[in-house]
Protein backbone atom coordinates (compact mmCIF):
# COMPACT_ATOMS: atom_id res chain seq x y z
CA UNK A 1 2.10 56.36 71.29
CA UNK A 2 0.71 57.62 67.37
CA UNK A 3 -1.70 56.21 64.45
CA UNK A 4 -4.03 54.91 67.47
CA UNK A 5 -6.31 53.25 64.53
CA UNK A 6 -9.56 50.60 66.04
CA UNK A 7 -11.44 48.69 63.89
CA UNK A 8 -14.65 47.11 64.71
CA UNK A 9 -17.67 44.88 64.03
CA UNK A 10 -19.76 46.54 65.24
CA UNK A 11 -20.37 43.10 68.37
CA UNK A 12 -17.68 41.02 70.03
CA UNK A 13 -14.21 41.27 68.06
CA UNK A 14 -11.92 44.02 66.27
CA UNK A 15 -8.27 44.50 65.69
CA UNK A 16 -5.77 47.98 66.95
CA UNK A 17 -2.48 49.15 65.67
CA UNK A 18 -0.40 52.19 66.55
CA UNK A 19 3.06 53.08 66.23
CA UNK A 20 4.92 53.12 69.63
CA UNK A 21 7.81 54.75 70.07
CA UNK A 22 10.46 53.87 73.56
CA UNK A 23 13.23 54.90 75.11
CA UNK A 24 15.50 54.16 78.30
CA UNK A 25 18.52 52.53 78.92
CA UNK A 26 19.54 49.44 78.51
CA UNK A 27 21.97 46.67 81.00
CA UNK A 28 25.16 48.70 80.68
CA UNK A 29 23.08 52.78 81.14
CA UNK A 30 23.53 53.07 77.51
CA UNK A 31 20.57 55.20 76.67
CA UNK A 32 18.06 53.08 74.06
CA UNK A 33 15.29 54.95 71.68
CA UNK A 34 13.47 52.39 69.20
CA UNK A 35 10.56 52.05 67.03
CA UNK A 36 7.62 49.76 66.73
CA UNK A 37 3.88 49.10 65.74
CA UNK A 38 1.75 47.40 67.59
CA UNK A 39 -1.08 45.23 66.16
CA UNK A 40 -3.69 43.89 68.66
CA UNK A 41 -7.07 41.64 67.92
CA UNK A 42 -9.49 41.94 71.03
CA UNK A 43 -12.72 39.72 71.56
CA UNK A 44 -15.17 41.31 73.55
CA UNK A 45 -16.78 38.63 76.76
CA UNK A 46 -18.67 38.47 78.68
CA UNK A 47 -19.17 42.54 77.84
CA UNK A 48 -15.40 42.98 79.07
CA UNK A 49 -13.15 43.94 75.42
CA UNK A 50 -9.65 41.76 76.00
CA UNK A 51 -6.93 41.40 73.75
CA UNK A 52 -6.76 38.22 71.88
CA UNK A 53 -3.38 38.33 69.95
CA UNK A 54 -0.97 40.83 70.60
CA UNK A 55 1.72 41.67 67.45
CA UNK A 56 5.14 44.20 68.00
CA UNK A 57 7.18 44.38 64.06
CA UNK A 58 9.56 47.11 63.29
CA UNK A 59 10.30 48.85 60.13
CA UNK A 60 12.82 47.59 58.35
CA UNK A 61 15.95 48.86 55.33
CA UNK A 62 14.66 47.23 52.19
CA UNK A 63 17.92 47.94 50.70
CA UNK A 64 19.48 45.95 53.55
CA UNK A 65 17.16 43.83 55.11
CA UNK A 66 18.08 44.66 58.43
CA UNK A 67 15.63 46.63 61.38
CA UNK A 68 15.43 50.02 60.99
CA UNK A 69 14.53 51.14 64.67
CA UNK A 70 14.75 54.96 64.61
CA UNK A 71 12.03 55.04 61.72
CA UNK A 72 9.30 56.81 62.52
CA UNK A 73 6.73 56.93 60.43
C-alpha cells in the first residue's frame, strides 16, 4: 500500500484513498500482478471507525481506453 491519505471532518465521517499493489498466482498457477486505487468512506459508530463504503478502480490507458493493470503511480 502506498500514497495513503485519510481526511476527516473531525467527528464521525472520513474518507481515504490509497494505491495498492497485488501479486499472486491465478487458478492455472501463472504469476499475476496488478495495481488498484482504493477509496473508502468511514463512519464512526459507537466510538469505532467502520468502513461504510469501499470502491476499487484501476488506471486506464487513455489511448486505448482499456484498463492498464501494470501502471504505477
